[in-house]
All heavy atoms as atom14 arrays in JSON, in Angstrom:
{
  "sequence": "TQDVSQIRQRAEALQKGVGKDTEVIEGESEVGGGSFPGAKLRT",
  "atom14_mask": [
    [1, 1, 1, 1, 1, 1, 1, 0, 0, 0, 0, 0, 0, 0],
    [1, 1, 1, 1, 1, 1, 1, 1, 1, 0, 0, 0, 0, 0],
    [1, 1, 1, 1, 1, 1, 1, 1, 0, 0, 0, 0, 0, 0],
    [1, 1, 1, 1, 1, 1, 1, 0, 0, 0, 0, 0, 0, 0],
    [1, 1, 1, 1, 1, 1, 0, 0, 0, 0, 0, 0, 0, 0],
    [1, 1, 1, 1, 1, 1, 1, 1, 1, 0, 0, 0, 0, 0],
    [1, 1, 1, 1, 1, 1, 1, 1, 0, 0, 0, 0, 0, 0],
    [1, 1, 1, 1, 1, 1, 1, 1, 1, 1, 1, 0, 0, 0],
    [1, 1, 1, 1, 1, 1, 1, 1, 1, 0, 0, 0, 0, 0],
    [1, 1, 1, 1, 1, 1, 1, 1, 1, 1, 1, 0, 0, 0],
    [1, 1, 1, 1, 1, 0, 0, 0, 0, 0, 0, 0, 0, 0],
    [1, 1, 1, 1, 1, 1, 1, 1, 1, 0, 0, 0, 0, 0],
    [1, 1, 1, 1, 1, 0, 0, 0, 0, 0, 0, 0, 0, 0],
    [1, 1, 1, 1, 1, 1, 1, 1, 0, 0, 0, 0, 0, 0],
    [1, 1, 1, 1, 1, 1, 1, 1, 1, 0, 0, 0, 0, 0],
    [1, 1, 1, 1, 1, 1, 1, 1, 1, 0, 0, 0, 0, 0],
    [1, 1, 1, 1, 0, 0, 0, 0, 0, 0, 0, 0, 0, 0],
    [1, 1, 1, 1, 1, 1, 1, 0, 0, 0, 0, 0, 0, 0],
    [1, 1, 1, 1, 0, 0, 0, 0, 0, 0, 0, 0, 0, 0],
    [1, 1, 1, 1, 1, 1, 1, 1, 1, 0, 0, 0, 0, 0],
    [1, 1, 1, 1, 1, 1, 1, 1, 0, 0, 0, 0, 0, 0],
    [1, 1, 1, 1, 1, 1, 1, 0, 0, 0, 0, 0, 0, 0],
    [1, 1, 1, 1, 1, 1, 1, 1, 1, 0, 0, 0, 0, 0],
    [1, 1, 1, 1, 1, 1, 1, 0, 0, 0, 0, 0, 0, 0],
    [1, 1, 1, 1, 1, 1, 1, 1, 0, 0, 0, 0, 0, 0],
    [1, 1, 1, 1, 1, 1, 1, 1, 1, 0, 0, 0, 0, 0],
    [1, 1, 1, 1, 0, 0, 0, 0, 0, 0, 0, 0, 0, 0],
    [1, 1, 1, 1, 1, 1, 1, 1, 1, 0, 0, 0, 0, 0],
    [1, 1, 1, 1, 1, 1, 0, 0, 0, 0, 0, 0, 0, 0],
    [1, 1, 1, 1, 1, 1, 1, 1, 1, 0, 0, 0, 0, 0],
    [1, 1, 1, 1, 1, 1, 1, 0, 0, 0, 0, 0, 0, 0],
    [1, 1, 1, 1, 0, 0, 0, 0, 0, 0, 0, 0, 0, 0],
    [1, 1, 1, 1, 0, 0, 0, 0, 0, 0, 0, 0, 0, 0],
    [1, 1, 1, 1, 0, 0, 0, 0, 0, 0, 0, 0, 0, 0],
    [1, 1, 1, 1, 1, 1, 0, 0, 0, 0, 0, 0, 0, 0],
    [1, 1, 1, 1, 1, 1, 1, 1, 1, 1, 1, 0, 0, 0],
    [1, 1, 1, 1, 1, 1, 1, 0, 0, 0, 0, 0, 0, 0],
    [1, 1, 1, 1, 0, 0, 0, 0, 0, 0, 0, 0, 0, 0],
    [1, 1, 1, 1, 1, 0, 0, 0, 0, 0, 0, 0, 0, 0],
    [1, 1, 1, 1, 1, 1, 1, 1, 1, 0, 0, 0, 0, 0],
    [1, 1, 1, 1, 1, 1, 1, 1, 0, 0, 0, 0, 0, 0],
    [1, 1, 1, 1, 1, 1, 1, 1, 1, 1, 1, 0, 0, 0],
    [1, 1, 1, 1, 1, 1, 1, 0, 0, 0, 0, 0, 0, 0]
  ],
  "atom14_positions": [
    [[-4.69, 1.77, -10.55], [-4.16, 3.04, -11.04], [-4.06, 4.1, -9.95], [-3.88, 5.28, -10.24], [-5.04, 3.57, -12.18], [-6.37, 3.82, -11.7], [-5.12, 2.57, -13.32], [0.0, 0.0, 0.0], [0.0, 0.0, 0.0], [0.0, 0.0, 0.0], [0.0, 0.0, 0.0], [0.0, 0.0, 0.0], [0.0, 0.0, 0.0], [0.0, 0.0, 0.0]],
    [[-4.17, 3.69, -8.71], [-4.16, 4.61, -7.58], [-2.82, 5.36, -7.5], [-1.75, 4.77, -7.64], [-4.37, 3.83, -6.28], [-4.63, 4.67, -5.07], [-6.06, 5.2, -5.05], [-6.25, 6.32, -4.63], [-7.02, 4.43, -5.5], [0.0, 0.0, 0.0], [0.0, 0.0, 0.0], [0.0, 0.0, 0.0], [0.0, 0.0, 0.0], [0.0, 0.0, 0.0]],
    [[-2.9, 6.66, -7.26], [-1.69, 7.45, -7.07], [-1.0, 7.05, -5.77], [-1.65, 6.92, -4.73], [-2.06, 8.94, -7.02], [-0.83, 9.82, -6.96], [-0.27, 10.14, -8.01], [-0.44, 10.18, -5.83], [0.0, 0.0, 0.0], [0.0, 0.0, 0.0], [0.0, 0.0, 0.0], [0.0, 0.0, 0.0], [0.0, 0.0, 0.0], [0.0, 0.0, 0.0]],
    [[0.32, 6.84, -5.84], [1.05, 6.34, -4.67], [0.99, 7.32, -3.51], [0.96, 6.9, -2.34], [2.52, 6.04, -5.05], [3.31, 5.56, -3.83], [2.57, 4.98, -6.14], [0.0, 0.0, 0.0], [0.0, 0.0, 0.0], [0.0, 0.0, 0.0], [0.0, 0.0, 0.0], [0.0, 0.0, 0.0], [0.0, 0.0, 0.0], [0.0, 0.0, 0.0]],
    [[0.95, 8.61, -3.79], [0.87, 9.59, -2.71], [-0.45, 9.47, -1.95], [-0.49, 9.65, -0.72], [1.02, 11.01, -3.26], [-0.03, 11.33, -4.15], [0.0, 0.0, 0.0], [0.0, 0.0, 0.0], [0.0, 0.0, 0.0], [0.0, 0.0, 0.0], [0.0, 0.0, 0.0], [0.0, 0.0, 0.0], [0.0, 0.0, 0.0], [0.0, 0.0, 0.0]],
    [[-1.53, 9.13, -2.65], [-2.81, 8.92, -1.99], [-2.79, 7.66, -1.12], [-3.37, 7.64, -0.03], [-3.93, 8.83, -3.02], [-4.17, 10.13, -3.78], [-5.27, 9.99, -4.81], [-5.6, 8.88, -5.24], [-5.83, 11.11, -5.25], [0.0, 0.0, 0.0], [0.0, 0.0, 0.0], [0.0, 0.0, 0.0], [0.0, 0.0, 0.0], [0.0, 0.0, 0.0]],
    [[-2.1, 6.64, -1.62], [-1.97, 5.42, -0.82], [-1.21, 5.71, 0.47], [-1.57, 5.24, 1.55], [-1.26, 4.31, -1.64], [-2.08, 3.95, -2.87], [-1.01, 3.08, -0.77], [-1.41, 2.96, -3.79], [0.0, 0.0, 0.0], [0.0, 0.0, 0.0], [0.0, 0.0, 0.0], [0.0, 0.0, 0.0], [0.0, 0.0, 0.0], [0.0, 0.0, 0.0]],
    [[-0.15, 6.53, 0.37], [0.61, 6.87, 1.57], [-0.25, 7.65, 2.56], [-0.17, 7.4, 3.79], [1.84, 7.68, 1.19], [2.7, 8.01, 2.41], [4.02, 8.62, 2.05], [4.87, 8.75, 3.23], [6.13, 9.13, 3.2], [6.71, 9.42, 2.04], [6.84, 9.22, 4.31], [0.0, 0.0, 0.0], [0.0, 0.0, 0.0], [0.0, 0.0, 0.0]],
    [[-1.08, 8.55, 2.07], [-1.96, 9.31, 2.96], [-2.91, 8.37, 3.71], [-3.13, 8.53, 4.91], [-2.76, 10.33, 2.16], [-1.92, 11.5, 1.64], [-2.7, 12.41, 0.71], [-3.91, 12.24, 0.53], [-2.03, 13.37, 0.1], [0.0, 0.0, 0.0], [0.0, 0.0, 0.0], [0.0, 0.0, 0.0], [0.0, 0.0, 0.0], [0.0, 0.0, 0.0]],
    [[-3.45, 7.38, 2.99], [-4.34, 6.43, 3.65], [-3.59, 5.57, 4.64], [-4.1, 5.22, 5.7], [-5.06, 5.57, 2.61], [-6.15, 6.3, 1.88], [-7.22, 5.35, 1.38], [-6.7, 4.38, 0.44], [-6.56, 4.6, -0.87], [-6.9, 5.78, -1.37], [-6.08, 3.69, -1.66], [0.0, 0.0, 0.0], [0.0, 0.0, 0.0], [0.0, 0.0, 0.0]],
    [[-2.35, 5.19, 4.29], [-1.54, 4.39, 5.21], [-1.28, 5.17, 6.5], [-1.37, 4.61, 7.6], [-0.22, 4.01, 4.54], [0.0, 0.0, 0.0], [0.0, 0.0, 0.0], [0.0, 0.0, 0.0], [0.0, 0.0, 0.0], [0.0, 0.0, 0.0], [0.0, 0.0, 0.0], [0.0, 0.0, 0.0], [0.0, 0.0, 0.0], [0.0, 0.0, 0.0]],
    [[-0.97, 6.44, 6.37], [-0.7, 7.25, 7.57], [-1.97, 7.44, 8.39], [-1.93, 7.43, 9.63], [-0.11, 8.6, 7.15], [1.3, 8.47, 6.57], [1.8, 9.75, 5.92], [0.97, 10.65, 5.67], [3.02, 9.84, 5.65], [0.0, 0.0, 0.0], [0.0, 0.0, 0.0], [0.0, 0.0, 0.0], [0.0, 0.0, 0.0], [0.0, 0.0, 0.0]],
    [[-3.11, 7.6, 7.71], [-4.37, 7.73, 8.44], [-4.71, 6.43, 9.17], [-5.2, 6.45, 10.32], [-5.49, 8.1, 7.48], [0.0, 0.0, 0.0], [0.0, 0.0, 0.0], [0.0, 0.0, 0.0], [0.0, 0.0, 0.0], [0.0, 0.0, 0.0], [0.0, 0.0, 0.0], [0.0, 0.0, 0.0], [0.0, 0.0, 0.0], [0.0, 0.0, 0.0]],
    [[-4.44, 5.3, 8.53], [-4.71, 4.01, 9.16], [-3.79, 3.79, 10.35], [-4.22, 3.33, 11.42], [-4.54, 2.88, 8.14], [-4.73, 1.45, 8.66], [-6.13, 1.28, 9.26], [-4.49, 0.43, 7.54], [0.0, 0.0, 0.0], [0.0, 0.0, 0.0], [0.0, 0.0, 0.0], [0.0, 0.0, 0.0], [0.0, 0.0, 0.0], [0.0, 0.0, 0.0]],
    [[-2.5, 4.15, 10.19], [-1.56, 4.02, 11.3], [-2.02, 4.85, 12.5], [-2.0, 4.38, 13.64], [-0.16, 4.46, 10.87], [0.87, 4.36, 12.0], [2.13, 5.15, 11.7], [2.08, 6.13, 10.95], [3.24, 4.76, 12.29], [0.0, 0.0, 0.0], [0.0, 0.0, 0.0], [0.0, 0.0, 0.0], [0.0, 0.0, 0.0], [0.0, 0.0, 0.0]],
    [[-2.45, 6.05, 12.22], [-2.93, 6.92, 13.3], [-4.18, 6.33, 13.96], [-4.34, 6.39, 15.18], [-3.24, 8.31, 12.74], [-3.68, 9.32, 13.78], [-3.92, 10.68, 13.16], [-4.4, 11.69, 14.2], [-4.65, 13.03, 13.58], [0.0, 0.0, 0.0], [0.0, 0.0, 0.0], [0.0, 0.0, 0.0], [0.0, 0.0, 0.0], [0.0, 0.0, 0.0]],
    [[-5.04, 5.73, 13.17], [-6.26, 5.15, 13.71], [-6.0, 3.93, 14.57], [-6.71, 3.69, 15.56], [0.0, 0.0, 0.0], [0.0, 0.0, 0.0], [0.0, 0.0, 0.0], [0.0, 0.0, 0.0], [0.0, 0.0, 0.0], [0.0, 0.0, 0.0], [0.0, 0.0, 0.0], [0.0, 0.0, 0.0], [0.0, 0.0, 0.0], [0.0, 0.0, 0.0]],
    [[-5.0, 3.13, 14.19], [-4.67, 1.93, 14.98], [-3.87, 2.3, 16.22], [-4.1, 1.79, 17.31], [-3.9, 0.91, 14.12], [-3.47, -0.28, 14.97], [-4.76, 0.45, 12.94], [0.0, 0.0, 0.0], [0.0, 0.0, 0.0], [0.0, 0.0, 0.0], [0.0, 0.0, 0.0], [0.0, 0.0, 0.0], [0.0, 0.0, 0.0], [0.0, 0.0, 0.0]],
    [[-2.92, 3.2, 16.04], [-2.12, 3.66, 17.19], [-0.89, 2.82, 17.4], [-0.05, 2.67, 16.51], [0.0, 0.0, 0.0], [0.0, 0.0, 0.0], [0.0, 0.0, 0.0], [0.0, 0.0, 0.0], [0.0, 0.0, 0.0], [0.0, 0.0, 0.0], [0.0, 0.0, 0.0], [0.0, 0.0, 0.0], [0.0, 0.0, 0.0], [0.0, 0.0, 0.0]],
    [[-0.78, 2.22, 18.56], [0.46, 1.55, 18.98], [0.83, 0.38, 18.06], [0.0, -0.19, 17.38], [0.29, 1.02, 20.4], [-0.81, -0.04, 20.53], [-0.92, -0.57, 21.94], [-1.99, -1.67, 22.04], [-2.07, -2.24, 23.38], [0.0, 0.0, 0.0], [0.0, 0.0, 0.0], [0.0, 0.0, 0.0], [0.0, 0.0, 0.0], [0.0, 0.0, 0.0]],
    [[2.11, 0.06, 18.1], [2.66, -1.12, 17.43], [2.46, -1.12, 15.92], [2.28, -2.16, 15.3], [2.06, -2.41, 18.01], [2.3, -2.58, 19.49], [3.36, -2.13, 19.96], [1.42, -3.11, 20.19], [0.0, 0.0, 0.0], [0.0, 0.0, 0.0], [0.0, 0.0, 0.0], [0.0, 0.0, 0.0], [0.0, 0.0, 0.0], [0.0, 0.0, 0.0]],
    [[2.51, 0.06, 15.3], [2.37, 0.12, 13.84], [3.4, 1.08, 13.25], [3.89, 1.98, 13.94], [0.96, 0.6, 13.43], [0.75, 1.92, 13.92], [-0.12, -0.33, 13.95], [0.0, 0.0, 0.0], [0.0, 0.0, 0.0], [0.0, 0.0, 0.0], [0.0, 0.0, 0.0], [0.0, 0.0, 0.0], [0.0, 0.0, 0.0], [0.0, 0.0, 0.0]],
    [[3.71, 0.88, 11.99], [4.56, 1.82, 11.26], [4.22, 1.76, 9.78], [3.71, 0.75, 9.28], [6.04, 1.52, 11.48], [6.49, 0.18, 10.96], [7.98, -0.05, 11.18], [8.77, 0.89, 10.94], [8.36, -1.17, 11.59], [0.0, 0.0, 0.0], [0.0, 0.0, 0.0], [0.0, 0.0, 0.0], [0.0, 0.0, 0.0], [0.0, 0.0, 0.0]],
    [[4.5, 2.83, 9.06], [4.27, 2.91, 7.62], [5.59, 2.63, 6.91], [6.6, 3.26, 7.21], [3.71, 4.29, 7.22], [3.61, 4.41, 5.7], [2.36, 4.53, 7.86], [0.0, 0.0, 0.0], [0.0, 0.0, 0.0], [0.0, 0.0, 0.0], [0.0, 0.0, 0.0], [0.0, 0.0, 0.0], [0.0, 0.0, 0.0], [0.0, 0.0, 0.0]],
    [[5.56, 1.68, 5.97], [6.78, 1.33, 5.24], [6.47, 1.25, 3.74], [5.32, 1.09, 3.34], [7.36, -0.03, 5.71], [6.34, -1.15, 5.45], [7.74, 0.03, 7.18], [6.89, -2.54, 5.65], [0.0, 0.0, 0.0], [0.0, 0.0, 0.0], [0.0, 0.0, 0.0], [0.0, 0.0, 0.0], [0.0, 0.0, 0.0], [0.0, 0.0, 0.0]],
    [[7.51, 1.37, 2.92], [7.33, 1.17, 1.49], [7.21, -0.32, 1.19], [7.77, -1.16, 1.9], [8.51, 1.75, 0.71], [8.56, 3.26, 0.7], [9.58, 3.78, -0.29], [9.26, 3.84, -1.5], [10.69, 4.11, 0.14], [0.0, 0.0, 0.0], [0.0, 0.0, 0.0], [0.0, 0.0, 0.0], [0.0, 0.0, 0.0], [0.0, 0.0, 0.0]],
    [[6.46, -0.64, 0.15], [6.29, -2.04, -0.22], [5.8, -2.19, -1.65], [5.88, -1.26, -2.45], [0.0, 0.0, 0.0], [0.0, 0.0, 0.0], [0.0, 0.0, 0.0], [0.0, 0.0, 0.0], [0.0, 0.0, 0.0], [0.0, 0.0, 0.0], [0.0, 0.0, 0.0], [0.0, 0.0, 0.0], [0.0, 0.0, 0.0], [0.0, 0.0, 0.0]],
    [[5.31, -3.37, -1.96], [4.84, -3.67, -3.3], [3.47, -4.34, -3.25], [3.17, -5.08, -2.32], [5.82, -4.6, -4.03], [7.17, -3.97, -4.33], [8.11, -4.93, -5.01], [8.01, -6.15, -4.72], [8.94, -4.49, -5.82], [0.0, 0.0, 0.0], [0.0, 0.0, 0.0], [0.0, 0.0, 0.0], [0.0, 0.0, 0.0], [0.0, 0.0, 0.0]],
    [[2.66, -4.04, -4.27], [1.38, -4.72, -4.46], [1.5, -5.65, -5.66], [2.23, -5.36, -6.61], [0.25, -3.72, -4.74], [0.14, -2.76, -3.73], [0.0, 0.0, 0.0], [0.0, 0.0, 0.0], [0.0, 0.0, 0.0], [0.0, 0.0, 0.0], [0.0, 0.0, 0.0], [0.0, 0.0, 0.0], [0.0, 0.0, 0.0], [0.0, 0.0, 0.0]],
    [[0.78, -6.76, -5.62], [0.67, -7.64, -6.77], [-0.74, -7.56, -7.33], [-1.7, -7.41, -6.59], [1.01, -9.09, -6.38], [2.46, -9.29, -6.02], [2.82, -10.75, -5.85], [2.09, -11.61, -6.41], [3.8, -11.05, -5.16], [0.0, 0.0, 0.0], [0.0, 0.0, 0.0], [0.0, 0.0, 0.0], [0.0, 0.0, 0.0], [0.0, 0.0, 0.0]],
    [[-0.85, -7.68, -8.66], [-2.15, -7.52, -9.3], [-3.08, -8.68, -8.94], [-4.2, -8.49, -8.48], [-2.0, -7.4, -10.82], [-3.36, -7.29, -11.49], [-1.13, -6.2, -11.15], [0.0, 0.0, 0.0], [0.0, 0.0, 0.0], [0.0, 0.0, 0.0], [0.0, 0.0, 0.0], [0.0, 0.0, 0.0], [0.0, 0.0, 0.0], [0.0, 0.0, 0.0]],
    [[-2.63, -9.92, -9.16], [-3.46, -11.07, -8.85], [-4.61, -11.24, -9.83], [-4.64, -10.62, -10.9], [0.0, 0.0, 0.0], [0.0, 0.0, 0.0], [0.0, 0.0, 0.0], [0.0, 0.0, 0.0], [0.0, 0.0, 0.0], [0.0, 0.0, 0.0], [0.0, 0.0, 0.0], [0.0, 0.0, 0.0], [0.0, 0.0, 0.0], [0.0, 0.0, 0.0]],
    [[-5.57, -12.08, -9.46], [-6.73, -12.3, -10.32], [-6.4, -12.96, -11.64], [-7.11, -12.78, -12.63], [0.0, 0.0, 0.0], [0.0, 0.0, 0.0], [0.0, 0.0, 0.0], [0.0, 0.0, 0.0], [0.0, 0.0, 0.0], [0.0, 0.0, 0.0], [0.0, 0.0, 0.0], [0.0, 0.0, 0.0], [0.0, 0.0, 0.0], [0.0, 0.0, 0.0]],
    [[-5.3, -13.72, -11.7], [-4.94, -14.38, -12.95], [-4.55, -13.42, -14.04], [-4.9, -13.61, -15.21], [0.0, 0.0, 0.0], [0.0, 0.0, 0.0], [0.0, 0.0, 0.0], [0.0, 0.0, 0.0], [0.0, 0.0, 0.0], [0.0, 0.0, 0.0], [0.0, 0.0, 0.0], [0.0, 0.0, 0.0], [0.0, 0.0, 0.0], [0.0, 0.0, 0.0]],
    [[-3.82, -12.37, -13.7], [-3.43, -11.37, -14.7], [-2.12, -10.71, -14.3], [-1.76, -10.69, -13.14], [-4.52, -10.31, -14.85], [-4.8, -9.7, -13.61], [0.0, 0.0, 0.0], [0.0, 0.0, 0.0], [0.0, 0.0, 0.0], [0.0, 0.0, 0.0], [0.0, 0.0, 0.0], [0.0, 0.0, 0.0], [0.0, 0.0, 0.0], [0.0, 0.0, 0.0]],
    [[-1.42, -10.17, -15.29], [-0.14, -9.49, -15.07], [0.78, -10.29, -14.14], [1.24, -9.78, -13.12], [-0.37, -8.09, -14.49], [-0.98, -7.11, -15.44], [-2.3, -6.71, -15.31], [-0.23, -6.59, -16.49], [-2.87, -5.81, -16.2], [-0.78, -5.68, -17.39], [-2.11, -5.29, -17.24], [0.0, 0.0, 0.0], [0.0, 0.0, 0.0], [0.0, 0.0, 0.0]],
    [[1.08, -11.55, -14.48], [1.94, -12.34, -13.6], [3.32, -11.71, -13.45], [3.94, -11.28, -14.43], [2.03, -13.7, -14.32], [1.72, -13.38, -15.75], [0.72, -12.27, -15.71], [0.0, 0.0, 0.0], [0.0, 0.0, 0.0], [0.0, 0.0, 0.0], [0.0, 0.0, 0.0], [0.0, 0.0, 0.0], [0.0, 0.0, 0.0], [0.0, 0.0, 0.0]],
    [[3.78, -11.62, -12.22], [5.1, -11.06, -11.95], [5.15, -9.56, -11.84], [6.17, -9.0, -11.43], [0.0, 0.0, 0.0], [0.0, 0.0, 0.0], [0.0, 0.0, 0.0], [0.0, 0.0, 0.0], [0.0, 0.0, 0.0], [0.0, 0.0, 0.0], [0.0, 0.0, 0.0], [0.0, 0.0, 0.0], [0.0, 0.0, 0.0], [0.0, 0.0, 0.0]],
    [[4.06, -8.87, -12.2], [4.06, -7.41, -12.14], [3.97, -6.92, -10.7], [3.23, -7.48, -9.89], [2.9, -6.85, -12.95], [0.0, 0.0, 0.0], [0.0, 0.0, 0.0], [0.0, 0.0, 0.0], [0.0, 0.0, 0.0], [0.0, 0.0, 0.0], [0.0, 0.0, 0.0], [0.0, 0.0, 0.0], [0.0, 0.0, 0.0], [0.0, 0.0, 0.0]],
    [[4.73, -5.89, -10.37], [4.73, -5.3, -9.03], [4.36, -3.82, -9.14], [4.78, -3.12, -10.07], [6.11, -5.42, -8.38], [6.66, -6.84, -8.3], [5.95, -7.68, -7.28], [6.64, -9.04, -7.13], [5.95, -9.91, -6.16], [0.0, 0.0, 0.0], [0.0, 0.0, 0.0], [0.0, 0.0, 0.0], [0.0, 0.0, 0.0], [0.0, 0.0, 0.0]],
    [[3.59, -3.35, -8.18], [3.22, -1.94, -8.11], [3.74, -1.36, -6.8], [3.56, -1.96, -5.73], [1.7, -1.79, -8.17], [1.03, -2.16, -9.5], [-0.48, -2.2, -9.33], [1.42, -1.18, -10.58], [0.0, 0.0, 0.0], [0.0, 0.0, 0.0], [0.0, 0.0, 0.0], [0.0, 0.0, 0.0], [0.0, 0.0, 0.0], [0.0, 0.0, 0.0]],
    [[4.36, -0.2, -6.88], [4.86, 0.45, -5.67], [3.69, 0.87, -4.79], [2.68, 1.37, -5.26], [5.69, 1.67, -6.06], [6.3, 2.41, -4.87], [7.33, 3.42, -5.33], [7.65, 4.33, -4.23], [7.28, 5.59, -4.16], [6.55, 6.12, -5.13], [7.62, 6.34, -3.13], [0.0, 0.0, 0.0], [0.0, 0.0, 0.0], [0.0, 0.0, 0.0]],
    [[3.84, 0.64, -3.49], [2.77, 1.0, -2.56], [3.38, 1.35, -1.2], [4.6, 1.29, -1.01], [1.77, -0.16, -2.41], [0.59, 0.3, -1.75], [2.35, -1.32, -1.62], [0.0, 0.0, 0.0], [0.0, 0.0, 0.0], [0.0, 0.0, 0.0], [0.0, 0.0, 0.0], [0.0, 0.0, 0.0], [0.0, 0.0, 0.0], [0.0, 0.0, 0.0]]
  ]
}
């Protein structure tokens, strides 16, 4: 249930922490764990 804007903030913080050879892009998360088959979450 994570807010997508918070995920983006963490992605940008991680990119800054790693430095070179990284970029932040839009993508999808899958639930997994034998549940919600086929469901995608924006990330």
